[in-house]
Amino acid sequence: MSSNLPKRKKLFHTPPSWVGESEVFFITINCLKRETDQLTIPKVGIIILQAAEFHNRNHNWFCR
């Protein structure tokens, strides 16, 4: 693994208030370019959802 990778911040162990009590996990997607609506573009959103469906189908993720 490269030592040039940025160090990740430690995340809180409690989910944010907007995550429902019955939810087990949530994900955060970090984009290289900040403060733009990259993930809300329909074409990109479809690809993200397709990836989630793929991983759920292959039992890598367990989406509800």
Protein backbone atom coordinates (compact mmCIF):
# COMPACT_ATOMS: atom_id res chain seq x y z
CA MET A 1 0.00 0.00 0.00
CA SER A 2 1.27 3.43 -0.88
CA SER A 3 2.36 5.79 1.89
CA ASN A 4 1.14 8.68 -0.29
CA LEU A 5 -2.48 7.96 0.62
CA PRO A 6 -4.15 10.57 2.82
CA LYS A 7 -4.81 9.69 6.45
CA ARG A 8 -8.49 9.11 7.22
CA LYS A 9 -10.13 11.01 10.04
CA LYS A 10 -11.46 8.94 12.91
CA LEU A 11 -15.23 8.80 12.63
CA PHE A 12 -17.65 8.92 15.52
CA HIS A 13 -19.03 5.53 16.52
CA THR A 14 -22.57 6.83 16.76
CA PRO A 15 -24.55 7.46 13.57
CA PRO A 16 -25.71 10.99 12.74
CA SER A 17 -29.15 12.05 13.99
CA TRP A 18 -30.67 11.72 10.51
CA VAL A 19 -29.98 7.96 10.40
CA GLY A 20 -33.05 6.06 11.62
CA GLU A 21 -32.85 3.93 14.77
CA SER A 22 -33.68 0.75 12.86
CA GLU A 23 -30.85 1.29 10.34
CA VAL A 24 -27.79 -0.87 10.80
CA PHE A 25 -25.31 0.92 8.53
CA PHE A 26 -25.04 3.95 6.34
CA ILE A 27 -22.40 4.86 3.83
CA THR A 28 -20.52 8.04 3.10
CA ILE A 29 -19.09 8.60 -0.35
CA ASN A 30 -16.12 10.95 -0.48
CA CYS A 31 -15.62 12.67 -3.83
CA LEU A 32 -12.34 14.12 -4.99
CA LYS A 33 -13.97 17.40 -6.00
CA ARG A 34 -15.79 18.84 -2.98
CA GLU A 35 -18.94 20.96 -2.75
CA THR A 36 -20.44 20.03 -6.11
CA ASP A 37 -23.51 17.95 -6.93
CA GLN A 38 -21.60 15.08 -8.52
CA LEU A 39 -23.64 12.25 -7.02
CA THR A 40 -27.05 13.74 -7.77
CA ILE A 41 -26.56 13.67 -11.53
CA PRO A 42 -29.07 11.05 -12.78
CA LYS A 43 -26.49 9.11 -14.82
CA VAL A 44 -24.17 8.86 -11.81
CA GLY A 45 -27.01 8.00 -9.42
CA ILE A 46 -28.10 5.13 -11.64
CA ILE A 47 -24.55 3.73 -11.65
CA ILE A 48 -24.33 3.95 -7.85
CA LEU A 49 -27.69 2.18 -7.45
CA GLN A 50 -26.65 -0.50 -9.95
CA ALA A 51 -23.46 -1.07 -7.94
CA ALA A 52 -25.49 -1.40 -4.73
CA GLU A 53 -27.85 -3.88 -6.42
CA PHE A 54 -24.87 -5.90 -7.72
CA HIS A 55 -23.20 -6.11 -4.31
CA ASN A 56 -26.50 -6.93 -2.61
CA ARG A 57 -27.18 -9.71 -5.14
CA ASN A 58 -23.68 -11.14 -4.58
CA HIS A 59 -24.05 -10.97 -0.78
CA ASN A 60 -21.23 -8.45 -0.37
CA TRP A 61 -23.65 -5.82 0.93
CA PHE A 62 -27.03 -6.31 2.54
CA CYS A 63 -29.24 -3.45 1.42
CA ARG A 64 -32.78 -2.87 2.60
